Amino acid sequence: MKYRGQTEYDHKGPAPKQGVILCNLGTPDAPQTAELRRYLKEFLSDPRVVEIPRLLWWIILNLIILRIRPRRSAALYRSVWTDQGSPLLIHSRAQVDGVQQILAEKYADKVPVVLGMRYGNPSIEAAIHKLTDMNVRHITVLPLYPQYSGATTGSTFDAVAKAFGKLRWVPELHFVSGYHQSPSYIDALCSSIRHHIEKQGRPDKLIFSYHGTPQRHLNNGDPYHCFCQQTTRLVRERMGLHEDQVLTSFQSRFGREPWLQPYTDKTLQTLPADGVKHIAVICPGFASDCLETLEEINEEGRKIFTDAGGEQFHYIPCLNDNPTHIEALAEIVGKQLKG
């Protein structure tokens, strides 16, 4: 029997293959208003992202936000865009290539690794079809969000389930719901911080800035806030740092309701008055540098801190395609693969 897009498969045919999808949030196709409008509409229409009654939110989104925000967001994206495209897409592709190379060395049978974006291109559905077209019957999905959140990891699962719902022959699924306590991930963060300190010196305060979520999500049972705090603690303990040497904060809030606190921007503004003049900021919740790290932290955050009297501001890049990070991702995926 032959299935759509697949080679013939029966008991005498080739053994079912395993495949991996690395998933990230996504990026617009170009830093232009039209592309941002399409991207933001998909992103902000996700009920996991914005938990407001659908009719009310449709009116706000389509009649207000999508008429104002795309042009402003496009300008911000242009400030970080490169000749090769979006930084997030570039780093994500490099991560796919790196994990593919390590898995090829460990497994006799080829384990294809593909990229899927929750919003934008390449989509998660396209990634699933790419694997099933190669006769992959066991799919491991790794959302590149170390700390589980319903708005990110949960939403990724929704997209996978929706895509599976369109398949006649559903593959076996291994879904990684988070890896914030993975020793190899913690080691990769520690290695990055140590490398920075060796070059720039030890800061007065090391700030761990995570993407924020509405406080309401925590109140309703989302564990994200706790997982962020655990990540900071594990890194601090692994590096032998005292509690007063580190600080956890939350960035990128949107709207008027309370979000997780302390807010990163407010923290950067008040630290100099407390005598903290030299800081380093790392964003452990982001697997790849993107608009929220390059523009919001390294540009806007830097300005907030220095305008308030800060003297030395250092941004520690995301793990991106650092070898220790690629090895950590490959190890996490490897535990899910069948022998």
C-alpha atoms as a PDB file:
ATOM      1  CA  MET A   1       0.000   0.000   0.000  1.00  0.00           C
ATOM      2  CA  LYS A   2       1.289   3.450  -0.853  1.00  0.00           C
ATOM      3  CA  TYR A   3       0.426   6.502   1.231  1.00  0.00           C
ATOM      4  CA  ARG A   4       0.490  10.128   0.169  1.00  0.00           C
ATOM      5  CA  GLY A   5       4.053  11.295  -0.320  1.00  0.00           C
ATOM      6  CA  GLN A   6       5.563   8.071   1.033  1.00  0.00           C
ATOM      7  CA  THR A   7       7.502   5.186  -0.419  1.00  0.00           C
ATOM      8  CA  GLU A   8       5.998   1.721  -0.413  1.00  0.00           C
ATOM      9  CA  TYR A   9       6.032   0.259   3.080  1.00  0.00           C
ATOM     10  CA  ASP A  10       5.206  -3.268   4.215  1.00  0.00           C
ATOM     11  CA  HIS A  11       6.794  -5.962   6.356  1.00  0.00           C
ATOM     12  CA  LYS A  12       9.460  -6.495   3.677  1.00  0.00           C
ATOM     13  CA  GLY A  13      10.154  -2.799   3.172  1.00  0.00           C
ATOM     14  CA  PRO A  14      12.527  -0.484   5.029  1.00  0.00           C
ATOM     15  CA  ALA A  15      12.121  -0.100   8.792  1.00  0.00           C
ATOM     16  CA  PRO A  16      10.228   3.015   9.867  1.00  0.00           C
ATOM     17  CA  LYS A  17      12.521   5.993  10.387  1.00  0.00           C
ATOM     18  CA  GLN A  18      12.784   8.376  13.269  1.00  0.00           C
ATOM     19  CA  GLY A  19      12.846  12.116  12.791  1.00  0.00           C
ATOM     20  CA  VAL A  20      13.202  15.283  14.858  1.00  0.00           C
ATOM     21  CA  ILE A  21      11.522  18.677  14.676  1.00  0.00           C
ATOM     22  CA  LEU A  22      13.125  21.616  16.443  1.00  0.00           C
ATOM     23  CA  CYS A  23      10.439  24.259  17.009  1.00  0.00           C
ATOM     24  CA  ASN A  24      10.826  27.931  17.736  1.00  0.00           C
ATOM     25  CA  LEU A  25       8.378  30.807  17.957  1.00  0.00           C
ATOM     26  CA  GLY A  26       8.832  32.130  14.423  1.00  0.00           C
ATOM     27  CA  THR A  27       9.675  35.292  12.569  1.00  0.00           C
ATOM     28  CA  PRO A  28       8.128  37.436   9.834  1.00  0.00           C
ATOM     29  CA  ASP A  29       9.311  36.699   6.301  1.00  0.00           C
ATOM     30  CA  ALA A  30      10.645  40.245   5.940  1.00  0.00           C
ATOM     31  CA  PRO A  31      10.908  43.373   8.107  1.00  0.00           C
ATOM     32  CA  GLN A  32       8.098  45.100   6.242  1.00  0.00           C
ATOM     33  CA  THR A  33       4.664  46.239   7.403  1.00  0.00           C
ATOM     34  CA  ALA A  34       2.655  43.755   5.311  1.00  0.00           C
ATOM     35  CA  GLU A  35       4.722  40.777   6.483  1.00  0.00           C
ATOM     36  CA  LEU A  36       4.503  41.937  10.103  1.00  0.00           C
ATOM     37  CA  ARG A  37       0.742  42.277   9.847  1.00  0.00           C
ATOM     38  CA  ARG A  38       0.386  38.665   8.662  1.00  0.00           C
ATOM     39  CA  TYR A  39       2.803  37.395  11.301  1.00  0.00           C
ATOM     40  CA  LEU A  40       1.257  39.335  14.183  1.00  0.00           C
ATOM     41  CA  LYS A  41      -2.252  38.318  13.177  1.00  0.00           C
ATOM     42  CA  GLU A  42      -1.307  34.632  13.360  1.00  0.00           C
ATOM     43  CA  PHE A  43       0.620  35.092  16.602  1.00  0.00           C
ATOM     44  CA  LEU A  44      -1.894  37.261  18.445  1.00  0.00           C
ATOM     45  CA  SER A  45      -4.875  35.193  17.284  1.00  0.00           C
ATOM     46  CA  ASP A  46      -3.600  32.227  19.284  1.00  0.00           C
ATOM     47  CA  PRO A  47      -5.892  31.805  22.326  1.00  0.00           C
ATOM     48  CA  ARG A  48      -2.914  30.430  24.277  1.00  0.00           C
ATOM     49  CA  VAL A  49      -1.121  33.758  23.799  1.00  0.00           C
ATOM     50  CA  VAL A  50      -4.008  36.124  24.496  1.00  0.00           C
ATOM     51  CA  GLU A  51      -6.650  34.772  26.875  1.00  0.00           C
ATOM     52  CA  ILE A  52      -9.395  37.285  26.207  1.00  0.00           C
ATOM     53  CA  PRO A  53     -12.943  36.430  25.035  1.00  0.00           C
ATOM     54  CA  ARG A  54     -12.608  35.794  21.304  1.00  0.00           C
ATOM     55  CA  LEU A  55     -15.143  38.306  19.991  1.00  0.00           C
ATOM     56  CA  LEU A  56     -13.791  41.152  22.113  1.00  0.00           C
ATOM     57  CA  TRP A  57     -10.213  40.304  21.182  1.00  0.00           C
ATOM     58  CA  TRP A  58     -11.069  40.043  17.461  1.00  0.00           C
ATOM     59  CA  ILE A  59     -12.334  43.613  17.565  1.00  0.00           C
ATOM     60  CA  ILE A  60      -9.268  44.899  19.462  1.00  0.00           C
ATOM     61  CA  LEU A  61      -6.816  42.964  17.299  1.00  0.00           C
ATOM     62  CA  ASN A  62      -8.234  43.738  13.873  1.00  0.00           C
ATOM     63  CA  LEU A  63      -9.542  47.253  14.402  1.00  0.00           C
ATOM     64  CA  ILE A  64      -6.773  48.645  16.601  1.00  0.00           C
ATOM     65  CA  ILE A  65      -3.584  46.600  17.035  1.00  0.00           C
ATOM     66  CA  LEU A  66      -3.110  45.411  13.437  1.00  0.00           C
ATOM     67  CA  ARG A  67      -3.616  48.963  12.196  1.00  0.00           C
ATOM     68  CA  ILE A  68      -0.923  50.428  14.434  1.00  0.00           C
ATOM     69  CA  ARG A  69       1.628  47.866  15.576  1.00  0.00           C
ATOM     70  CA  PRO A  70       2.862  46.288  12.287  1.00  0.00           C
ATOM     71  CA  ARG A  71       4.544  49.475  11.054  1.00  0.00           C
ATOM     72  CA  ARG A  72       6.272  50.049  14.395  1.00  0.00           C
ATOM     73  CA  SER A  73       7.304  46.410  14.713  1.00  0.00           C
ATOM     74  CA  ALA A  74       8.677  46.388  11.169  1.00  0.00           C
ATOM     75  CA  ALA A  75      11.004  49.277  12.063  1.00  0.00           C
ATOM     76  CA  LEU A  76      12.260  47.362  15.105  1.00  0.00           C
ATOM     77  CA  TYR A  77      12.859  44.224  13.052  1.00  0.00           C
ATOM     78  CA  ARG A  78      14.833  46.223  10.482  1.00  0.00           C
ATOM     79  CA  SER A  79      17.184  47.301  13.278  1.00  0.00           C
ATOM     80  CA  VAL A  80      18.245  43.675  13.896  1.00  0.00           C
ATOM     81  CA  TRP A  81      17.745  42.161  10.412  1.00  0.00           C
ATOM     82  CA  THR A  82      20.840  40.845   8.627  1.00  0.00           C
ATOM     83  CA  ASP A  83      21.794  40.166   5.029  1.00  0.00           C
ATOM     84  CA  GLN A  84      20.972  36.510   5.696  1.00  0.00           C
ATOM     85  CA  GLY A  85      17.579  37.355   7.182  1.00  0.00           C
ATOM     86  CA  SER A  86      16.086  37.185  10.667  1.00  0.00           C
ATOM     87  CA  PRO A  87      18.595  36.383  13.442  1.00  0.00           C
ATOM     88  CA  LEU A  88      16.181  33.892  14.985  1.00  0.00           C
ATOM     89  CA  LEU A  89      15.804  32.018  11.699  1.00  0.00           C
ATOM     90  CA  ILE A  90      19.560  32.003  11.086  1.00  0.00           C
ATOM     91  CA  HIS A  91      20.357  30.615  14.527  1.00  0.00           C
ATOM     92  CA  SER A  92      17.500  28.099  14.385  1.00  0.00           C
ATOM     93  CA  ARG A  93      18.767  26.705  11.090  1.00  0.00           C
ATOM     94  CA  ALA A  94      22.265  26.440  12.530  1.00  0.00           C
ATOM     95  CA  GLN A  95      20.858  24.533  15.509  1.00  0.00           C
ATOM     96  CA  VAL A  96      19.091  22.118  13.173  1.00  0.00           C
ATOM     97  CA  ASP A  97      22.305  21.531  11.232  1.00  0.00           C
ATOM     98  CA  GLY A  98      24.318  21.066  14.428  1.00  0.00           C
ATOM     99  CA  VAL A  99      21.921  18.583  16.007  1.00  0.00           C
ATOM    100  CA  GLN A 100      21.664  16.721  12.686  1.00  0.00           C
ATOM    101  CA  GLN A 101      25.435  16.336  12.562  1.00  0.00           C
ATOM    102  CA  ILE A 102      25.693  14.970  16.114  1.00  0.00           C
ATOM    103  CA  LEU A 103      22.817  12.522  15.605  1.00  0.00           C
ATOM    104  CA  ALA A 104      24.390  11.319  12.347  1.00  0.00           C
ATOM    105  CA  GLU A 105      27.517  10.417  14.282  1.00  0.00           C
ATOM    106  CA  LYS A 106      25.585   8.507  16.951  1.00  0.00           C
ATOM    107  CA  TYR A 107      23.015   6.574  14.940  1.00  0.00           C
ATOM    108  CA  ALA A 108      23.652   4.150  12.103  1.00  0.00           C
ATOM    109  CA  ASP A 109      20.320   5.023  10.483  1.00  0.00           C
ATOM    110  CA  LYS A 110      19.936   8.599   9.401  1.00  0.00           C
ATOM    111  CA  VAL A 111      17.755  10.685  11.734  1.00  0.00           C
ATOM    112  CA  PRO A 112      16.507  13.710   9.793  1.00  0.00           C
ATOM    113  CA  VAL A 113      16.191  16.957  11.743  1.00  0.00           C
ATOM    114  CA  VAL A 114      13.952  19.713  10.428  1.00  0.00           C
ATOM    115  CA  LEU A 115      12.824  23.144  11.578  1.00  0.00           C
ATOM    116  CA  GLY A 116       9.239  24.136  12.353  1.00  0.00           C
ATOM    117  CA  MET A 117       8.032  27.552  13.468  1.00  0.00           C
ATOM    118  CA  ARG A 118       4.921  27.980  15.591  1.00  0.00           C
ATOM    119  CA  TYR A 119       4.060  31.115  13.610  1.00  0.00           C
ATOM    120  CA  GLY A 120       5.284  31.991  10.150  1.00  0.00           C
ATOM    121  CA  ASN A 121       7.539  29.858   7.968  1.00  0.00           C
ATOM    122  CA  PRO A 122       8.558  27.075   7.855  1.00  0.00           C
ATOM    123  CA  SER A 123       5.423  25.963   9.661  1.00  0.00           C
ATOM    124  CA  ILE A 124       5.123  23.008  12.032  1.00  0.00           C
ATOM    125  CA  GLU A 125       2.673  21.381   9.630  1.00  0.00           C
ATOM    126  CA  ALA A 126       5.188  21.711   6.788  1.00  0.00           C
ATOM    127  CA  ALA A 127       7.891  20.191   9.008  1.00  0.00           C
ATOM    128  CA  ILE A 128       5.674  17.198   9.819  1.00  0.00           C
ATOM    129  CA  HIS A 129       4.885  16.613   6.147  1.00  0.00           C
ATOM    130  CA  LYS A 130       8.571  16.886   5.296  1.00  0.00           C
ATOM    131  CA  LEU A 131       9.328  14.036   7.696  1.00  0.00           C
ATOM    132  CA  THR A 132       6.379  11.828   6.738  1.00  0.00           C
ATOM    133  CA  ASP A 133       7.332  12.244   3.083  1.00  0.00           C
ATOM    134  CA  MET A 134      10.610  10.576   4.082  1.00  0.00           C
ATOM    135  CA  ASN A 135       8.660   7.683   5.646  1.00  0.00           C
ATOM    136  CA  VAL A 136       9.385   8.883   9.202  1.00  0.00           C
ATOM    137  CA  ARG A 137       7.021   7.086  11.577  1.00  0.00           C
ATOM    138  CA  HIS A 138       8.464   8.218  14.923  1.00  0.00           C
ATOM    139  CA  ILE A 139       8.664  11.994  15.398  1.00  0.00           C
ATOM    140  CA  THR A 140      10.366  13.702  18.314  1.00  0.00           C
ATOM    141  CA  VAL A 141       9.349  17.345  18.776  1.00  0.00           C
ATOM    142  CA  LEU A 142      11.599  19.633  20.805  1.00  0.00           C
ATOM    143  CA  PRO A 143      10.152  23.121  21.369  1.00  0.00           C
ATOM    144  CA  LEU A 144      13.106  25.420  21.946  1.00  0.00           C
ATOM    145  CA  TYR A 145      11.624  26.855  25.132  1.00  0.00           C
ATOM    146  CA  PRO A 146      13.591  25.498  28.117  1.00  0.00           C
ATOM    147  CA  GLN A 147      10.958  26.616  30.635  1.00  0.00           C
ATOM    148  CA  TYR A 148       7.493  25.234  29.896  1.00  0.00           C
ATOM    149  CA  SER A 149       4.692  27.740  29.425  1.00  0.00           C
ATOM    150  CA  GLY A 150       1.229  27.181  28.073  1.00  0.00           C
ATOM    151  CA  ALA A 151       1.692  30.175  25.777  1.00  0.00           C
ATOM    152  CA  THR A 152       4.782  28.678  24.123  1.00  0.00           C
ATOM    153  CA  THR A 153       5.286  24.941  24.678  1.00  0.00           C
ATOM    154  CA  GLY A 154       1.576  24.289  25.144  1.00  0.00           C
ATOM    155  CA  SER A 155       0.779  26.226  21.994  1.00  0.00           C
ATOM    156  CA  THR A 156       3.389  24.237  20.073  1.00  0.00           C
ATOM    157  CA  PHE A 157       1.672  21.018  21.127  1.00  0.00           C
ATOM    158  CA  ASP A 158      -1.621  22.453  19.885  1.00  0.00           C
ATOM    159  CA  ALA A 159      -0.075  23.061  16.466  1.00  0.00           C
ATOM    160  CA  VAL A 160       1.391  19.552  16.329  1.00  0.00           C
ATOM    161  CA  ALA A 161      -1.955  18.019  17.309  1.00  0.00           C
ATOM    162  CA  LYS A 162      -3.773  20.097  14.685  1.00  0.00           C
ATOM    163  CA  ALA A 163      -1.344  18.955  11.993  1.00  0.00           C
ATOM    164  CA  PHE A 164      -1.633  15.325  13.105  1.00  0.00           C
ATOM    165  CA  GLY A 165      -5.402  15.651  12.894  1.00  0.00           C
ATOM    166  CA  LYS A 166      -5.091  16.050   9.125  1.00  0.00           C
ATOM    167  CA  LEU A 167      -3.026  12.887   8.636  1.00  0.00           C
ATOM    168  CA  ARG A 168      -4.523   9.545   7.635  1.00  0.00           C
ATOM    169  CA  TRP A 169      -1.595   7.678   9.199  1.00  0.00           C
ATOM    170  CA  VAL A 170      -0.550   9.369  12.431  1.00  0.00           C
ATOM    171  CA  PRO A 171       3.114   8.897  13.405  1.00  0.00           C
ATOM    172  CA  GLU A 172       4.240   8.041  16.914  1.00  0.00           C
ATOM    173  CA  LEU A 173       4.948  11.250  18.820  1.00  0.00           C
ATOM    174  CA  HIS A 174       7.567  12.041  21.442  1.00  0.00           C
ATOM    175  CA  PHE A 175       7.015  15.579  22.701  1.00  0.00           C
ATOM    176  CA  VAL A 176       9.557  17.254  24.983  1.00  0.00           C
ATOM    177  CA  SER A 177       7.622  19.611  27.248  1.00  0.00           C
ATOM    178  CA  GLY A 178      10.667  21.419  28.668  1.00  0.00           C
ATOM    179  CA  TYR A 179      14.293  21.026  29.673  1.00  0.00           C
ATOM    180  CA  HIS A 180      15.012  23.764  32.189  1.00  0.00           C
ATOM    181  CA  GLN A 181      16.579  21.292  34.625  1.00  0.00           C
ATOM    182  CA  SER A 182      18.653  19.454  32.031  1.00  0.00           C
ATOM    183  CA  PRO A 183      22.250  19.325  33.364  1.00  0.00           C
ATOM    184  CA  SER A 184      23.681  19.838  29.874  1.00  0.00           C
ATOM    185  CA  TYR A 185      21.519  22.945  29.345  1.00  0.00           C
ATOM    186  CA  ILE A 186      22.568  24.366  32.718  1.00  0.00           C
ATOM    187  CA  ASP A 187      26.201  23.589  31.903  1.00  0.00           C
ATOM    188  CA  ALA A 188      25.878  25.429  28.584  1.00  0.00           C
ATOM    189  CA  LEU A 189      24.538  28.529  30.369  1.00  0.00           C
ATOM    190  CA  CYS A 190      27.334  28.377  32.949  1.00  0.00           C
ATOM    191  CA  SER A 191      29.958  28.010  30.242  1.00  0.00           C
ATOM    192  CA  SER A 192      28.611  31.070  28.417  1.00  0.00           C
ATOM    193  CA  ILE A 193      28.600  33.161  31.605  1.00  0.00           C
ATOM    194  CA  ARG A 194      32.115  32.080  32.601  1.00  0.00           C
ATOM    195  CA  HIS A 195      33.405  32.934  29.137  1.00  0.00           C
ATOM    196  CA  HIS A 196      31.876  36.388  29.422  1.00  0.00           C
ATOM    197  CA  ILE A 197      33.341  37.024  32.888  1.00  0.00           C
ATOM    198  CA  GLU A 198      36.793  35.978  31.675  1.00  0.00           C
ATOM    199  CA  LYS A 199      36.611  38.648  28.968  1.00  0.00           C
ATOM    200  CA  GLN A 200      34.666  41.451  30.676  1.00  0.00           C
ATOM    201  CA  GLY A 201      35.181  40.889  34.394  1.00  0.00           C
ATOM    202  CA  ARG A 202      32.685  39.991  37.098  1.00  0.00           C
ATOM    203  CA  PRO A 203      29.645  42.317  37.154  1.00  0.00           C
ATOM    204  CA  ASP A 204      28.115  43.815  40.277  1.00  0.00           C
ATOM    205  CA  LYS A 205      24.922  41.990  39.371  1.00  0.00           C
ATOM    206  CA  LEU A 206      24.117  39.173  36.949  1.00  0.00           C
ATOM    207  CA  ILE A 207      20.569  39.580  35.666  1.00  0.00           C
ATOM    208  CA  PHE A 208      18.544  36.675  34.299  1.00  0.00           C
ATOM    209  CA  SER A 209      15.848  38.192  32.104  1.00  0.00           C
ATOM    210  CA  TYR A 210      13.023  35.908  30.963  1.00  0.00           C
ATOM    211  CA  HIS A 211      10.110  36.671  28.682  1.00  0.00           C
ATOM    212  CA  GLY A 212       7.170  37.709  30.821  1.00  0.00           C
ATOM    213  CA  THR A 213       3.624  36.355  30.937  1.00  0.00           C
ATOM    214  CA  PRO A 214       0.519  37.797  32.569  1.00  0.00           C
ATOM    215  CA  GLN A 215       0.420  37.250  36.325  1.00  0.00           C
ATOM    216  CA  ARG A 216      -2.991  35.698  35.725  1.00  0.00           C
ATOM    217  CA  HIS A 217      -1.341  32.719  33.996  1.00  0.00           C
ATOM    218  CA  LEU A 218       0.647  31.933  37.143  1.00  0.00           C
ATOM    219  CA  ASN A 219      -2.435  32.335  39.300  1.00  0.00           C
ATOM    220  CA  ASN A 220      -4.251  29.842  37.073  1.00  0.00           C
ATOM    221  CA  GLY A 221      -1.551  27.195  37.423  1.00  0.00           C
ATOM    222  CA  ASP A 222       1.011  27.815  34.695  1.00  0.00           C
ATOM    223  CA  PRO A 223       4.416  26.640  36.091  1.00  0.00           C
ATOM    224  CA  TYR A 224       6.544  28.935  33.915  1.00  0.00           C
ATOM    225  CA  HIS A 225       7.439  31.420  36.668  1.00  0.00           C
ATOM    226  CA  CYS A 226       8.631  28.611  38.943  1.00  0.00           C
ATOM    227  CA  PHE A 227      10.704  27.024  36.181  1.00  0.00           C
ATOM    228  CA  CYS A 228      12.430  30.358  35.458  1.00  0.00           C
ATOM    229  CA  GLN A 229      13.318  30.741  39.121  1.00  0.00           C
ATOM    230  CA  GLN A 230      14.640  27.165  39.169  1.00  0.00           C
ATOM    231  CA  THR A 231      16.848  27.830  36.148  1.00  0.00           C
ATOM    232  CA  THR A 232      18.400  30.858  37.828  1.00  0.00           C
ATOM    233  CA  ARG A 233      18.948  28.917  41.038  1.00  0.00           C
ATOM    234  CA  LEU A 234      20.543  25.944  39.275  1.00  0.00           C
ATOM    235  CA  VAL A 235      22.978  28.182  37.388  1.00  0.00           C
ATOM    236  CA  ARG A 236      23.794  30.154  40.525  1.00  0.00           C
ATOM    237  CA  GLU A 237      24.469  27.009  42.530  1.00  0.00           C
ATOM    238  CA  ARG A 238      26.507  25.415  39.743  1.00  0.00           C
ATOM    239  CA  MET A 239      28.677  28.545  39.522  1.00  0.00           C
ATOM    240  CA  GLY A 240      28.955  29.021  43.288  1.00  0.00           C
ATOM    241  CA  LEU A 241      27.406  32.488  43.227  1.00  0.00           C
ATOM    242  CA  HIS A 242      25.759  34.103  46.242  1.00  0.00           C
ATOM    243  CA  GLU A 243      22.066  34.970  46.067  1.00  0.00           C
ATOM    244  CA  ASP A 244      22.750  38.706  46.124  1.00  0.00           C
ATOM    245  CA  GLN A 245      24.950  38.420  43.013  1.00  0.00           C
ATOM    246  CA  VAL A 246      22.046  37.428  40.749  1.00  0.00           C
ATOM    247  CA  LEU A 247      18.570  38.719  39.997  1.00  0.00           C
ATOM    248  CA  THR A 248      15.644  37.271  38.039  1.00  0.00           C
ATOM    249  CA  SER A 249      13.394  39.627  36.075  1.00  0.00           C
ATOM    250  CA  PHE A 250      10.802  39.497  33.293  1.00  0.00           C
ATOM    251  CA  GLN A 251      10.655  41.456  30.051  1.00  0.00           C
ATOM    252  CA  SER A 252       8.411  42.084  27.023  1.00  0.00           C
ATOM    253  CA  ARG A 253       5.140  42.782  28.803  1.00  0.00           C
ATOM    254  CA  PHE A 254       2.203  43.810  26.665  1.00  0.00           C
ATOM    255  CA  GLY A 255      -1.072  45.469  27.636  1.00  0.00           C
ATOM    256  CA  ARG A 256      -2.190  46.963  30.916  1.00  0.00           C
ATOM    257  CA  GLU A 257      -2.760  43.981  33.193  1.00  0.00           C
ATOM    258  CA  PRO A 258      -0.047  42.939  35.700  1.00  0.00           C
ATOM    259  CA  TRP A 259       2.657  40.632  34.365  1.00  0.00           C
ATOM    260  CA  LEU A 260       5.315  38.619  36.172  1.00  0.00           C
ATOM    261  CA  GLN A 261       7.578  40.861  38.241  1.00  0.00           C
ATOM    262  CA  PRO A 262      10.055  42.366  38.736  1.00  0.00           C
ATOM    263  CA  TYR A 263       9.978  43.943  35.275  1.00  0.00           C
ATOM    264  CA  THR A 264      13.351  43.997  33.532  1.00  0.00           C
ATOM    265  CA  ASP A 265      13.079  47.583  32.275  1.00  0.00           C
ATOM    266  CA  LYS A 266      12.092  48.938  35.697  1.00  0.00           C
ATOM    267  CA  THR A 267      14.902  46.932  37.301  1.00  0.00           C
ATOM    268  CA  LEU A 268      17.502  48.359  34.903  1.00  0.00           C
ATOM    269  CA  GLN A 269      16.242  51.844  35.682  1.00  0.00           C
ATOM    270  CA  THR A 270      16.539  51.515  39.461  1.00  0.00           C
ATOM    271  CA  LEU A 271      19.778  49.533  39.846  1.00  0.00           C
ATOM    272  CA  PRO A 272      22.215  52.481  39.423  1.00  0.00           C
ATOM    273  CA  ALA A 273      20.550  54.370  42.285  1.00  0.00           C
ATOM    274  CA  ASP A 274      21.248  51.325  44.470  1.00  0.00           C
ATOM    275  CA  GLY A 275      24.943  51.488  43.650  1.00  0.00           C
ATOM    276  CA  VAL A 276      24.919  48.795  40.956  1.00  0.00           C
ATOM    277  CA  LYS A 277      26.964  50.293  38.135  1.00  0.00           C
ATOM    278  CA  HIS A 278      28.234  47.212  36.298  1.00  0.00           C
ATOM    279  CA  ILE A 279      25.775  44.559  35.120  1.00  0.00           C
ATOM    280  CA  ALA A 280      25.583  41.642  32.728  1.00  0.00           C
ATOM    281  CA  VAL A 281      22.248  40.453  31.353  1.00  0.00           C
ATOM    282  CA  ILE A 282      21.528  36.958  30.057  1.00  0.00           C
ATOM    283  CA  CYS A 283      18.230  35.665  28.645  1.00  0.00           C
ATOM    284  CA  PRO A 284      18.091  31.925  29.426  1.00  0.00           C
ATOM    285  CA  GLY A 285      14.541  31.458  28.138  1.00  0.00           C
ATOM    286  CA  PHE A 286      15.526  32.271  24.561  1.00  0.00           C
ATOM    287  CA  ALA A 287      17.350  29.545  22.624  1.00  0.00           C
ATOM    288  CA  SER A 288      18.240  32.034  19.885  1.00  0.00           C
ATOM    289  CA  ASP A 289      18.899  35.728  19.769  1.00  0.00           C
ATOM    290  CA  CYS A 290      15.929  37.611  18.353  1.00  0.00           C
ATOM    291  CA  LEU A 291      14.145  40.947  18.490  1.00  0.00           C
ATOM    292  CA  GLU A 292      13.435  40.593  22.226  1.00  0.00           C
ATOM    293  CA  THR A 293      17.097  40.094  23.080  1.00  0.00           C
ATOM    294  CA  LEU A 294      18.952  42.138  20.470  1.00  0.00           C
ATOM    295  CA  GLU A 295      16.701  45.189  20.413  1.00  0.00           C
ATOM    296  CA  GLU A 296      14.763  45.122  23.676  1.00  0.00           C
ATOM    297  CA  ILE A 297      17.671  44.142  25.922  1.00  0.00           C
ATOM    298  CA  ASN A 298      20.938  44.995  24.175  1.00  0.00           C
ATOM    299  CA  GLU A 299      19.702  48.296  22.748  1.00  0.00           C
ATOM    300  CA  GLU A 300      16.712  49.577  24.709  1.00  0.00           C
ATOM    301  CA  GLY A 301      17.776  47.999  28.008  1.00  0.00           C
ATOM    302  CA  ARG A 302      21.304  49.308  27.641  1.00  0.00           C
ATOM    303  CA  LYS A 303      19.994  52.835  27.124  1.00  0.00           C
ATOM    304  CA  ILE A 304      17.669  52.608  30.133  1.00  0.00           C
ATOM    305  CA  PHE A 305      20.535  51.498  32.379  1.00  0.00           C
ATOM    306  CA  THR A 306      23.114  54.025  31.189  1.00  0.00           C
ATOM    307  CA  ASP A 307      20.616  56.918  31.177  1.00  0.00           C
ATOM    308  CA  ALA A 308      19.886  56.091  34.829  1.00  0.00           C
ATOM    309  CA  GLY A 309      23.580  56.347  35.725  1.00  0.00           C
ATOM    310  CA  GLY A 310      24.846  52.839  34.993  1.00  0.00           C
ATOM    311  CA  GLU A 311      28.446  52.628  33.800  1.00  0.00           C
ATOM    312  CA  GLN A 312      28.967  49.161  32.324  1.00  0.00           C
ATOM    313  CA  PHE A 313      26.214  47.204  30.589  1.00  0.00           C
ATOM    314  CA  HIS A 314      27.004  43.859  29.008  1.00  0.00           C
ATOM    315  CA  TYR A 315      24.628  41.591  27.161  1.00  0.00           C
ATOM    316  CA  ILE A 316      25.539  37.897  27.154  1.00  0.00           C
ATOM    317  CA  PRO A 317      24.273  36.457  23.853  1.00  0.00           C
ATOM    318  CA  CYS A 318      21.826  33.569  23.757  1.00  0.00           C
ATOM    319  CA  LEU A 319      23.295  30.098  23.435  1.00  0.00           C
ATOM    320  CA  ASN A 320      22.467  30.078  19.711  1.00  0.00           C
ATOM    321  CA  ASP A 321      24.704  27.507  17.960  1.00  0.00           C
ATOM    322  CA  ASN A 322      27.410  27.363  20.635  1.00  0.00           C
ATOM    323  CA  PRO A 323      28.856  23.821  20.636  1.00  0.00           C
ATOM    324  CA  THR A 324      27.833  23.224  24.262  1.00  0.00           C
ATOM    325  CA  HIS A 325      24.265  24.235  23.403  1.00  0.00           C
ATOM    326  CA  ILE A 326      24.103  22.033  20.312  1.00  0.00           C
ATOM    327  CA  GLU A 327      25.402  19.111  22.355  1.00  0.00           C
ATOM    328  CA  ALA A 328      22.777  19.781  25.010  1.00  0.00           C
ATOM    329  CA  LEU A 329      19.949  19.846  22.451  1.00  0.00           C
ATOM    330  CA  ALA A 330      21.229  16.657  20.817  1.00  0.00           C
ATOM    331  CA  GLU A 331      21.407  14.956  24.207  1.00  0.00           C
ATOM    332  CA  ILE A 332      17.841  15.980  25.073  1.00  0.00           C
ATOM    333  CA  VAL A 333      16.575  14.719  21.713  1.00  0.00           C
ATOM    334  CA  GLY A 334      18.659  11.543  21.929  1.00  0.00           C
ATOM    335  CA  LYS A 335      16.905  10.466  25.109  1.00  0.00           C
ATOM    336  CA  GLN A 336      13.619  10.406  23.195  1.00  0.00           C
ATOM    337  CA  LEU A 337      14.820   8.456  20.180  1.00  0.00           C
ATOM    338  CA  LYS A 338      14.157   4.733  20.048  1.00  0.00           C
ATOM    339  CA  GLY A 339      17.168   2.465  19.761  1.00  0.00           C
END
